[in-house]
């Protein structure tokens, strides 16, 4: 059980880092309103757990 908690904490930490990188991405300020809304929608989906792990994309 503690292994699952550790993995979830690691994933949360990685998502926080990714979020910061997206916010600091060069050109972020030049996104259109529609693009910013799409980014906001993706963030909300991730918060709700509606995503596919990177590793799962390449599984057979």
C-alpha atoms as a PDB file:
ATOM      1  CA  UNK A   1       0.000   0.000   0.000  1.00  0.00           C
ATOM      2  CA  UNK A   2       2.788   2.422   0.860  1.00  0.00           C
ATOM      3  CA  UNK A   3       4.322   1.762  -2.561  1.00  0.00           C
ATOM      4  CA  UNK A   4       1.122   2.982  -4.198  1.00  0.00           C
ATOM      5  CA  UNK A   5       1.125   6.120  -2.057  1.00  0.00           C
ATOM      6  CA  UNK A   6       4.773   6.773  -2.918  1.00  0.00           C
ATOM      7  CA  UNK A   7       4.038   6.393  -6.620  1.00  0.00           C
ATOM      8  CA  UNK A   8       1.060   8.730  -6.403  1.00  0.00           C
ATOM      9  CA  UNK A   9       3.148  11.316  -4.568  1.00  0.00           C
ATOM     10  CA  UNK A  10       5.846  11.042  -7.242  1.00  0.00           C
ATOM     11  CA  UNK A  11       3.271  11.462 -10.013  1.00  0.00           C
ATOM     12  CA  UNK A  12       1.807  14.482  -8.227  1.00  0.00           C
ATOM     13  CA  UNK A  13       5.272  16.018  -7.917  1.00  0.00           C
ATOM     14  CA  UNK A  14       5.960  15.419 -11.620  1.00  0.00           C
ATOM     15  CA  UNK A  15       2.634  16.980 -12.590  1.00  0.00           C
ATOM     16  CA  UNK A  16       3.418  20.051 -10.495  1.00  0.00           C
ATOM     17  CA  UNK A  17       6.775  20.360 -12.261  1.00  0.00           C
ATOM     18  CA  UNK A  18       5.142  19.920 -15.651  1.00  0.00           C
ATOM     19  CA  UNK A  19       2.543  22.541 -14.816  1.00  0.00           C
ATOM     20  CA  UNK A  20       5.283  24.999 -13.852  1.00  0.00           C
ATOM     21  CA  UNK A  21       7.160  24.297 -17.079  1.00  0.00           C
ATOM     22  CA  UNK A  22       4.030  24.858 -19.155  1.00  0.00           C
ATOM     23  CA  UNK A  23       3.395  28.154 -17.367  1.00  0.00           C
ATOM     24  CA  UNK A  24       6.980  29.247 -17.946  1.00  0.00           C
ATOM     25  CA  UNK A  25       7.156  27.997 -21.513  1.00  0.00           C
ATOM     26  CA  UNK A  26       8.539  30.574 -23.871  1.00  0.00           C
ATOM     27  CA  UNK A  27       5.632  31.866 -25.912  1.00  0.00           C
ATOM     28  CA  UNK A  28       2.992  31.050 -23.308  1.00  0.00           C
ATOM     29  CA  UNK A  29       2.020  34.688 -23.117  1.00  0.00           C
ATOM     30  CA  UNK A  30       1.341  34.710 -26.856  1.00  0.00           C
ATOM     31  CA  UNK A  31      -1.276  31.947 -26.703  1.00  0.00           C
ATOM     32  CA  UNK A  32      -4.682  32.857 -28.004  1.00  0.00           C
ATOM     33  CA  UNK A  33      -7.693  32.884 -25.717  1.00  0.00           C
ATOM     34  CA  UNK A  34      -8.879  29.624 -27.289  1.00  0.00           C
ATOM     35  CA  UNK A  35      -5.485  27.980 -26.695  1.00  0.00           C
ATOM     36  CA  UNK A  36      -5.447  29.120 -23.062  1.00  0.00           C
ATOM     37  CA  UNK A  37      -8.936  27.689 -22.540  1.00  0.00           C
ATOM     38  CA  UNK A  38      -7.829  24.379 -24.060  1.00  0.00           C
ATOM     39  CA  UNK A  39      -4.820  24.289 -21.728  1.00  0.00           C
ATOM     40  CA  UNK A  40      -7.072  25.041 -18.755  1.00  0.00           C
ATOM     41  CA  UNK A  41      -9.398  22.214 -19.816  1.00  0.00           C
ATOM     42  CA  UNK A  42      -6.474  19.770 -20.037  1.00  0.00           C
ATOM     43  CA  UNK A  43      -5.288  20.753 -16.557  1.00  0.00           C
ATOM     44  CA  UNK A  44      -8.756  20.150 -15.146  1.00  0.00           C
ATOM     45  CA  UNK A  45      -8.887  16.723 -16.822  1.00  0.00           C
ATOM     46  CA  UNK A  46      -5.557  15.787 -15.237  1.00  0.00           C
ATOM     47  CA  UNK A  47      -6.793  16.947 -11.826  1.00  0.00           C
ATOM     48  CA  UNK A  48      -9.832  14.667 -12.240  1.00  0.00           C
ATOM     49  CA  UNK A  49      -7.563  11.775 -13.232  1.00  0.00           C
ATOM     50  CA  UNK A  50      -8.719  11.689 -16.836  1.00  0.00           C
ATOM     51  CA  UNK A  51      -5.434  10.899 -18.519  1.00  0.00           C
ATOM     52  CA  UNK A  52      -3.395   8.030 -19.913  1.00  0.00           C
ATOM     53  CA  UNK A  53       0.009   7.264 -18.450  1.00  0.00           C
ATOM     54  CA  UNK A  54       2.906   7.802 -20.842  1.00  0.00           C
ATOM     55  CA  UNK A  55       3.953   4.157 -20.492  1.00  0.00           C
ATOM     56  CA  UNK A  56       0.473   2.997 -21.482  1.00  0.00           C
ATOM     57  CA  UNK A  57       0.744   4.745 -24.830  1.00  0.00           C
ATOM     58  CA  UNK A  58       3.372   2.275 -26.012  1.00  0.00           C
ATOM     59  CA  UNK A  59       2.075  -0.970 -24.510  1.00  0.00           C
ATOM     60  CA  UNK A  60       1.064  -3.741 -26.874  1.00  0.00           C
END
